[in-house]
Amino acid sequence: MGKVYYEVLRDTIEKARKGGYLTTEAQLIFWGRISEAYGRGDLTLEELERLEALLEIDRGRYLRDLDVAMTGEPEEDEEYA
């Protein structure tokens, strides 16, 4: 199922980009959906990373921003560096 799910997400992202609908908000919504799919086991890590690249998502940046929003300061972790 993973490969089919990946292809559907990839095609939807590409259509949104071509149609001019891939706003920052849409990117974040798609990122949430692909992260959920990865968490459920519907996508492999490689597929997740390829979709993030297609969305031009900087995972480290968003995780830092989330830390700041939740705690007021970035978490000190080498993963974000």
PDB file of N, CA and C in Angstrom:
ATOM      1  N   MET A   1       0.813  -1.193   0.000  1.00  0.00           N
ATOM      2  CA  MET A   1       0.000   0.000   0.000  1.00  0.00           C
ATOM      3  C   MET A   1       0.856   1.257   0.000  1.00  0.00           C
ATOM      4  N   GLY A   2       2.055   1.205   0.605  1.00  0.00           N
ATOM      5  CA  GLY A   2       2.900   2.376   0.726  1.00  0.00           C
ATOM      6  C   GLY A   2       3.218   3.031  -0.600  1.00  0.00           C
ATOM      7  N   LYS A   3       3.586   2.226  -1.590  1.00  0.00           N
ATOM      8  CA  LYS A   3       3.959   2.785  -2.886  1.00  0.00           C
ATOM      9  C   LYS A   3       2.789   3.518  -3.534  1.00  0.00           C
ATOM     10  N   VAL A   4       1.610   2.938  -3.483  1.00  0.00           N
ATOM     11  CA  VAL A   4       0.424   3.580  -4.060  1.00  0.00           C
ATOM     12  C   VAL A   4       0.120   4.868  -3.302  1.00  0.00           C
ATOM     13  N   TYR A   5       0.179   4.820  -1.977  1.00  0.00           N
ATOM     14  CA  TYR A   5      -0.095   5.997  -1.154  1.00  0.00           C
ATOM     15  C   TYR A   5       0.909   7.098  -1.478  1.00  0.00           C
ATOM     16  N   TYR A   6       2.178   6.731  -1.600  1.00  0.00           N
ATOM     17  CA  TYR A   6       3.218   7.699  -1.949  1.00  0.00           C
ATOM     18  C   TYR A   6       2.906   8.354  -3.292  1.00  0.00           C
ATOM     19  N   GLU A   7       2.552   7.542  -4.275  1.00  0.00           N
ATOM     20  CA  GLU A   7       2.281   8.076  -5.616  1.00  0.00           C
ATOM     21  C   GLU A   7       1.091   9.031  -5.614  1.00  0.00           C
ATOM     22  N   VAL A   8       0.062   8.713  -4.851  1.00  0.00           N
ATOM     23  CA  VAL A   8      -1.108   9.596  -4.764  1.00  0.00           C
ATOM     24  C   VAL A   8      -0.706  10.932  -4.141  1.00  0.00           C
ATOM     25  N   LEU A   9       0.039  10.886  -3.041  1.00  0.00           N
ATOM     26  CA  LEU A   9       0.487  12.123  -2.399  1.00  0.00           C
ATOM     27  C   LEU A   9       1.394  12.926  -3.324  1.00  0.00           C
ATOM     28  N   ARG A  10       2.336  12.253  -3.966  1.00  0.00           N
ATOM     29  CA  ARG A  10       3.255  12.938  -4.882  1.00  0.00           C
ATOM     30  C   ARG A  10       2.488  13.617  -6.008  1.00  0.00           C
ATOM     31  N   ASP A  11       1.567  12.896  -6.624  1.00  0.00           N
ATOM     32  CA  ASP A  11       0.794  13.456  -7.734  1.00  0.00           C
ATOM     33  C   ASP A  11      -0.063  14.638  -7.279  1.00  0.00           C
ATOM     34  N   THR A  12      -0.640  14.535  -6.090  1.00  0.00           N
ATOM     35  CA  THR A  12      -1.472  15.622  -5.567  1.00  0.00           C
ATOM     36  C   THR A  12      -0.634  16.868  -5.306  1.00  0.00           C
ATOM     37  N   ILE A  13       0.551  16.686  -4.745  1.00  0.00           N
ATOM     38  CA  ILE A  13       1.448  17.817  -4.487  1.00  0.00           C
ATOM     39  C   ILE A  13       1.863  18.468  -5.800  1.00  0.00           C
ATOM     40  N   GLU A  14       2.203  17.655  -6.787  1.00  0.00           N
ATOM     41  CA  GLU A  14       2.614  18.202  -8.085  1.00  0.00           C
ATOM     42  C   GLU A  14       1.470  18.965  -8.754  1.00  0.00           C
ATOM     43  N   LYS A  15       0.247  18.448  -8.668  1.00  0.00           N
ATOM     44  CA  LYS A  15      -0.914  19.151  -9.242  1.00  0.00           C
ATOM     45  C   LYS A  15      -1.149  20.478  -8.525  1.00  0.00           C
ATOM     46  N   ALA A  16      -1.021  20.479  -7.210  1.00  0.00           N
ATOM     47  CA  ALA A  16      -1.209  21.711  -6.440  1.00  0.00           C
ATOM     48  C   ALA A  16      -0.154  22.747  -6.818  1.00  0.00           C
ATOM     49  N   ARG A  17       1.080  22.290  -6.996  1.00  0.00           N
ATOM     50  CA  ARG A  17       2.153  23.214  -7.383  1.00  0.00           C
ATOM     51  C   ARG A  17       1.871  23.798  -8.763  1.00  0.00           C
ATOM     52  N   LYS A  18       1.526  22.949  -9.717  1.00  0.00           N
ATOM     53  CA  LYS A  18       1.248  23.415 -11.085  1.00  0.00           C
ATOM     54  C   LYS A  18       0.052  24.358 -11.126  1.00  0.00           C
ATOM     55  N   GLY A  19      -0.940  24.118 -10.279  1.00  0.00           N
ATOM     56  CA  GLY A  19      -2.136  24.950 -10.258  1.00  0.00           C
ATOM     57  C   GLY A  19      -1.975  26.231  -9.455  1.00  0.00           C
ATOM     58  N   GLY A  20      -0.819  26.387  -8.808  1.00  0.00           N
ATOM     59  CA  GLY A  20      -0.576  27.582  -8.014  1.00  0.00           C
ATOM     60  C   GLY A  20      -1.224  27.558  -6.637  1.00  0.00           C
ATOM     61  N   TYR A  21      -1.588  26.369  -6.179  1.00  0.00           N
ATOM     62  CA  TYR A  21      -2.277  26.241  -4.897  1.00  0.00           C
ATOM     63  C   TYR A  21      -1.361  25.808  -3.756  1.00  0.00           C
ATOM     64  N   LEU A  22      -0.077  25.643  -4.021  1.00  0.00           N
ATOM     65  CA  LEU A  22       0.828  25.133  -2.995  1.00  0.00           C
ATOM     66  C   LEU A  22       1.388  26.301  -2.176  1.00  0.00           C
ATOM     67  N   THR A  23       0.531  26.907  -1.388  1.00  0.00           N
ATOM     68  CA  THR A  23       0.914  28.006  -0.508  1.00  0.00           C
ATOM     69  C   THR A  23       1.683  27.445   0.682  1.00  0.00           C
ATOM     70  N   THR A  24       2.237  28.319   1.496  1.00  0.00           N
ATOM     71  CA  THR A  24       2.921  27.877   2.708  1.00  0.00           C
ATOM     72  C   THR A  24       1.968  27.088   3.595  1.00  0.00           C
ATOM     73  N   GLU A  25       0.748  27.570   3.700  1.00  0.00           N
ATOM     74  CA  GLU A  25      -0.242  26.866   4.520  1.00  0.00           C
ATOM     75  C   GLU A  25      -0.505  25.468   3.967  1.00  0.00           C
ATOM     76  N   ALA A  26      -0.657  25.371   2.649  1.00  0.00           N
ATOM     77  CA  ALA A  26      -0.896  24.069   2.019  1.00  0.00           C
ATOM     78  C   ALA A  26       0.299  23.143   2.223  1.00  0.00           C
ATOM     79  N   GLN A  27       1.510  23.699   2.141  1.00  0.00           N
ATOM     80  CA  GLN A  27       2.704  22.888   2.376  1.00  0.00           C
ATOM     81  C   GLN A  27       2.673  22.285   3.774  1.00  0.00           C
ATOM     82  N   LEU A  28       2.321  23.095   4.763  1.00  0.00           N
ATOM     83  CA  LEU A  28       2.295  22.604   6.138  1.00  0.00           C
ATOM     84  C   LEU A  28       1.194  21.572   6.351  1.00  0.00           C
ATOM     85  N   ILE A  29       0.058  21.761   5.695  1.00  0.00           N
ATOM     86  CA  ILE A  29      -1.015  20.764   5.787  1.00  0.00           C
ATOM     87  C   ILE A  29      -0.559  19.451   5.158  1.00  0.00           C
ATOM     88  N   PHE A  30       0.046  19.533   3.972  1.00  0.00           N
ATOM     89  CA  PHE A  30       0.570  18.321   3.331  1.00  0.00           C
ATOM     90  C   PHE A  30       1.624  17.667   4.210  1.00  0.00           C
ATOM     91  N   TRP A  31       2.499  18.482   4.817  1.00  0.00           N
ATOM     92  CA  TRP A  31       3.551  17.935   5.675  1.00  0.00           C
ATOM     93  C   TRP A  31       2.919  17.177   6.838  1.00  0.00           C
ATOM     94  N   GLY A  32       1.870  17.735   7.416  1.00  0.00           N
ATOM     95  CA  GLY A  32       1.160  17.035   8.487  1.00  0.00           C
ATOM     96  C   GLY A  32       0.595  15.710   8.012  1.00  0.00           C
ATOM     97  N   ARG A  33       0.026  15.713   6.822  1.00  0.00           N
ATOM     98  CA  ARG A  33      -0.568  14.478   6.272  1.00  0.00           C
ATOM     99  C   ARG A  33       0.493  13.418   6.001  1.00  0.00           C
ATOM    100  N   ILE A  34       1.625  13.837   5.426  1.00  0.00           N
ATOM    101  CA  ILE A  34       2.651  12.834   5.131  1.00  0.00           C
ATOM    102  C   ILE A  34       3.317  12.347   6.412  1.00  0.00           C
ATOM    103  N   SER A  35       3.427  13.224   7.419  1.00  0.00           N
ATOM    104  CA  SER A  35       3.978  12.796   8.709  1.00  0.00           C
ATOM    105  C   SER A  35       3.053  11.782   9.371  1.00  0.00           C
ATOM    106  N   GLU A  36       1.745  12.030   9.302  1.00  0.00           N
ATOM    107  CA  GLU A  36       0.770  11.074   9.838  1.00  0.00           C
ATOM    108  C   GLU A  36       0.861   9.742   9.100  1.00  0.00           C
ATOM    109  N   ALA A  37       0.974   9.807   7.778  1.00  0.00           N
ATOM    110  CA  ALA A  37       1.066   8.581   6.976  1.00  0.00           C
ATOM    111  C   ALA A  37       2.315   7.792   7.349  1.00  0.00           C
ATOM    112  N   TYR A  38       3.422   8.486   7.580  1.00  0.00           N
ATOM    113  CA  TYR A  38       4.651   7.820   8.004  1.00  0.00           C
ATOM    114  C   TYR A  38       4.442   7.173   9.379  1.00  0.00           C
ATOM    115  N   GLY A  39       3.805   7.902  10.282  1.00  0.00           N
ATOM    116  CA  GLY A  39       3.545   7.380  11.623  1.00  0.00           C
ATOM    117  C   GLY A  39       2.659   6.139  11.615  1.00  0.00           C
ATOM    118  N   ARG A  40       1.733   6.069  10.667  1.00  0.00           N
ATOM    119  CA  ARG A  40       0.854   4.899  10.542  1.00  0.00           C
ATOM    120  C   ARG A  40       1.538   3.742   9.831  1.00  0.00           C
ATOM    121  N   GLY A  41       2.687   4.005   9.234  1.00  0.00           N
ATOM    122  CA  GLY A  41       3.379   2.962   8.486  1.00  0.00           C
ATOM    123  C   GLY A  41       2.984   2.902   7.024  1.00  0.00           C
ATOM    124  N   ASP A  42       2.243   3.920   6.542  1.00  0.00           N
ATOM    125  CA  ASP A  42       1.826   3.947   5.139  1.00  0.00           C
ATOM    126  C   ASP A  42       2.932   4.438   4.212  1.00  0.00           C
ATOM    127  N   LEU A  43       3.953   5.080   4.776  1.00  0.00           N
ATOM    128  CA  LEU A  43       5.098   5.556   3.996  1.00  0.00           C
ATOM    129  C   LEU A  43       6.382   5.091   4.659  1.00  0.00           C
ATOM    130  N   THR A  44       7.398   4.846   3.855  1.00  0.00           N
ATOM    131  CA  THR A  44       8.722   4.553   4.398  1.00  0.00           C
ATOM    132  C   THR A  44       9.411   5.877   4.713  1.00  0.00           C
ATOM    133  N   LEU A  45      10.509   5.817   5.454  1.00  0.00           N
ATOM    134  CA  LEU A  45      11.272   7.029   5.754  1.00  0.00           C
ATOM    135  C   LEU A  45      11.770   7.668   4.459  1.00  0.00           C
ATOM    136  N   GLU A  46      12.210   6.849   3.529  1.00  0.00           N
ATOM    137  CA  GLU A  46      12.684   7.372   2.240  1.00  0.00           C
ATOM    138  C   GLU A  46      11.561   8.108   1.505  1.00  0.00           C
ATOM    139  N   GLU A  47      10.367   7.541   1.505  1.00  0.00           N
ATOM    140  CA  GLU A  47       9.230   8.195   0.845  1.00  0.00           C
ATOM    141  C   GLU A  47       8.875   9.501   1.549  1.00  0.00           C
ATOM    142  N   LEU A  48       8.897   9.483   2.880  1.00  0.00           N
ATOM    143  CA  LEU A  48       8.639  10.700   3.654  1.00  0.00           C
ATOM    144  C   LEU A  48       9.628  11.794   3.268  1.00  0.00           C
ATOM    145  N   GLU A  49      10.897  11.451   3.228  1.00  0.00           N
ATOM    146  CA  GLU A  49      11.930  12.437   2.905  1.00  0.00           C
ATOM    147  C   GLU A  49      11.798  12.947   1.475  1.00  0.00           C
ATOM    148  N   ARG A  50      11.425  12.081   0.540  1.00  0.00           N
ATOM    149  CA  ARG A  50      11.236  12.524  -0.851  1.00  0.00           C
ATOM    150  C   ARG A  50      10.054  13.478  -0.963  1.00  0.00           C
ATOM    151  N   LEU A  51       8.976  13.194  -0.241  1.00  0.00           N
ATOM    152  CA  LEU A  51       7.821  14.093  -0.259  1.00  0.00           C
ATOM    153  C   LEU A  51       8.151  15.422   0.418  1.00  0.00           C
ATOM    154  N   GLU A  52       8.916  15.379   1.508  1.00  0.00           N
ATOM    155  CA  GLU A  52       9.345  16.627   2.156  1.00  0.00           C
ATOM    156  C   GLU A  52      10.174  17.466   1.194  1.00  0.00           C
ATOM    157  N   ALA A  53      11.053  16.820   0.441  1.00  0.00           N
ATOM    158  CA  ALA A  53      11.865  17.541  -0.540  1.00  0.00           C
ATOM    159  C   ALA A  53      10.986  18.137  -1.636  1.00  0.00           C
ATOM    160  N   LEU A  54       9.997  17.391  -2.083  1.00  0.00           N
ATOM    161  CA  LEU A  54       9.073  17.885  -3.102  1.00  0.00           C
ATOM    162  C   LEU A  54       8.304  19.103  -2.589  1.00  0.00           C
ATOM    163  N   LEU A  55       7.968  19.087  -1.308  1.00  0.00           N
ATOM    164  CA  LEU A  55       7.266  20.214  -0.691  1.00  0.00           C
ATOM    165  C   LEU A  55       8.206  21.358  -0.333  1.00  0.00           C
ATOM    166  N   GLU A  56       9.515  21.104  -0.434  1.00  0.00           N
ATOM    167  CA  GLU A  56      10.539  22.067  -0.027  1.00  0.00           C
ATOM    168  C   GLU A  56      10.399  22.387   1.465  1.00  0.00           C
ATOM    169  N   ILE A  57      10.159  21.345   2.250  1.00  0.00           N
ATOM    170  CA  ILE A  57      10.004  21.471   3.700  1.00  0.00           C
ATOM    171  C   ILE A  57      11.372  21.332   4.358  1.00  0.00           C
ATOM    172  N   ASP A  58      11.689  22.282   5.228  1.00  0.00           N
ATOM    173  CA  ASP A  58      12.902  22.228   6.037  1.00  0.00           C
ATOM    174  C   ASP A  58      12.480  21.735   7.423  1.00  0.00           C
ATOM    175  N   ARG A  59      12.543  20.422   7.614  1.00  0.00           N
ATOM    176  CA  ARG A  59      12.068  19.809   8.850  1.00  0.00           C
ATOM    177  C   ARG A  59      12.732  20.427  10.077  1.00  0.00           C
ATOM    178  N   GLY A  60      14.029  20.641  10.018  1.00  0.00           N
ATOM    179  CA  GLY A  60      14.746  21.217  11.156  1.00  0.00           C
ATOM    180  C   GLY A  60      14.223  22.590  11.533  1.00  0.00           C
ATOM    181  N   ARG A  61      13.978  23.413  10.532  1.00  0.00           N
ATOM    182  CA  ARG A  61      13.461  24.765  10.789  1.00  0.00           C
ATOM    183  C   ARG A  61      12.101  24.707  11.470  1.00  0.00           C
ATOM    184  N   TYR A  62      11.209  23.870  10.952  1.00  0.00           N
ATOM    185  CA  TYR A  62       9.871  23.796  11.531  1.00  0.00           C
ATOM    186  C   TYR A  62       9.892  23.198  12.932  1.00  0.00           C
ATOM    187  N   LEU A  63      10.771  22.248  13.180  1.00  0.00           N
ATOM    188  CA  LEU A  63      10.871  21.687  14.526  1.00  0.00           C
ATOM    189  C   LEU A  63      11.412  22.728  15.501  1.00  0.00           C
ATOM    190  N   ARG A  64      12.383  23.537  15.066  1.00  0.00           N
ATOM    191  CA  ARG A  64      12.885  24.632  15.910  1.00  0.00           C
ATOM    192  C   ARG A  64      11.773  25.638  16.192  1.00  0.00           C
ATOM    193  N   ASP A  65      11.032  26.012  15.145  1.00  0.00           N
ATOM    194  CA  ASP A  65       9.925  26.959  15.313  1.00  0.00           C
ATOM    195  C   ASP A  65       8.879  26.412  16.280  1.00  0.00           C
ATOM    196  N   LEU A  66       8.609  25.123  16.197  1.00  0.00           N
ATOM    197  CA  LEU A  66       7.646  24.498  17.098  1.00  0.00           C
ATOM    198  C   LEU A  66       8.148  24.546  18.534  1.00  0.00           C
ATOM    199  N   ASP A  67       9.431  24.263  18.743  1.00  0.00           N
ATOM    200  CA  ASP A  67      10.007  24.349  20.083  1.00  0.00           C
ATOM    201  C   ASP A  67       9.862  25.752  20.647  1.00  0.00           C
ATOM    202  N   VAL A  68      10.164  26.755  19.835  1.00  0.00           N
ATOM    203  CA  VAL A  68      10.060  28.142  20.285  1.00  0.00           C
ATOM    204  C   VAL A  68       8.610  28.477  20.625  1.00  0.00           C
ATOM    205  N   ALA A  69       7.687  28.048  19.789  1.00  0.00           N
ATOM    206  CA  ALA A  69       6.272  28.330  20.035  1.00  0.00           C
ATOM    207  C   ALA A  69       5.778  27.676  21.324  1.00  0.00           C
ATOM    208  N   MET A  70       6.287  26.491  21.620  1.00  0.00           N
ATOM    209  CA  MET A  70       5.797  25.754  22.787  1.00  0.00           C
ATOM    210  C   MET A  70       6.511  26.142  24.077  1.00  0.00           C
ATOM    211  N   THR A  71       7.812  26.423  23.992  1.00  0.00           N
ATOM    212  CA  THR A  71       8.582  26.649  25.213  1.00  0.00           C
ATOM    213  C   THR A  71       9.184  28.037  25.311  1.00  0.00           C
ATOM    214  N   GLY A  72       9.168  28.779  24.231  1.00  0.00           N
ATOM    215  CA  GLY A  72       9.757  30.109  24.246  1.00  0.00           C
ATOM    216  C   GLY A  72      11.220  30.117  23.854  1.00  0.00           C
ATOM    217  N   GLU A  73      11.814  28.946  23.717  1.00  0.00           N
ATOM    218  CA  GLU A  73      13.210  28.875  23.291  1.00  0.00           C
ATOM    219  C   GLU A  73      13.454  27.560  22.562  1.00  0.00           C
ATOM    220  N   PRO A  74      14.421  27.563  21.649  1.00  0.00           N
ATOM    221  CA  PRO A  74      14.692  26.319  20.914  1.00  0.00           C
ATOM    222  C   PRO A  74      15.304  25.267  21.827  1.00  0.00           C
ATOM    223  N   GLU A  75      14.957  24.025  21.550  1.00  0.00           N
ATOM    224  CA  GLU A  75      15.550  22.917  22.292  1.00  0.00           C
ATOM    225  C   GLU A  75      16.993  22.785  21.855  1.00  0.00           C
ATOM    226  N   GLU A  76      17.871  22.563  22.803  1.00  0.00           N
ATOM    227  CA  GLU A  76      19.274  22.408  22.456  1.00  0.00           C
ATOM    228  C   GLU A  76      19.517  20.948  22.135  1.00  0.00           C
ATOM    229  N   ASP A  77      19.559  20.673  20.834  1.00  0.00           N
ATOM    230  CA  ASP A  77      19.688  19.305  20.364  1.00  0.00           C
ATOM    231  C   ASP A  77      20.479  19.346  19.070  1.00  0.00           C
ATOM    232  N   GLU A  78      21.428  18.476  18.939  1.00  0.00           N
ATOM    233  CA  GLU A  78      22.253  18.431  17.737  1.00  0.00           C
ATOM    234  C   GLU A  78      21.442  18.093  16.497  1.00  0.00           C
ATOM    235  N   GLU A  79      20.287  17.448  16.675  1.00  0.00           N
ATOM    236  CA  GLU A  79      19.462  17.048  15.535  1.00  0.00           C
ATOM    237  C   GLU A  79      19.051  18.250  14.698  1.00  0.00           C
ATOM    238  N   TYR A  80      18.857  19.396  15.321  1.00  0.00           N
ATOM    239  CA  TYR A  80      18.393  20.584  14.616  1.00  0.00           C
ATOM    240  C   TYR A  80      19.527  21.361  13.968  1.00  0.00           C
ATOM    241  N   ALA A  81      20.728  21.074  14.334  1.00  0.00           N
ATOM    242  CA  ALA A  81      21.876  21.857  13.841  1.00  0.00           C
ATOM    243  C   ALA A  81      22.138  21.641  12.380  1.00  0.00           C
TER     244      ALA A  81
END
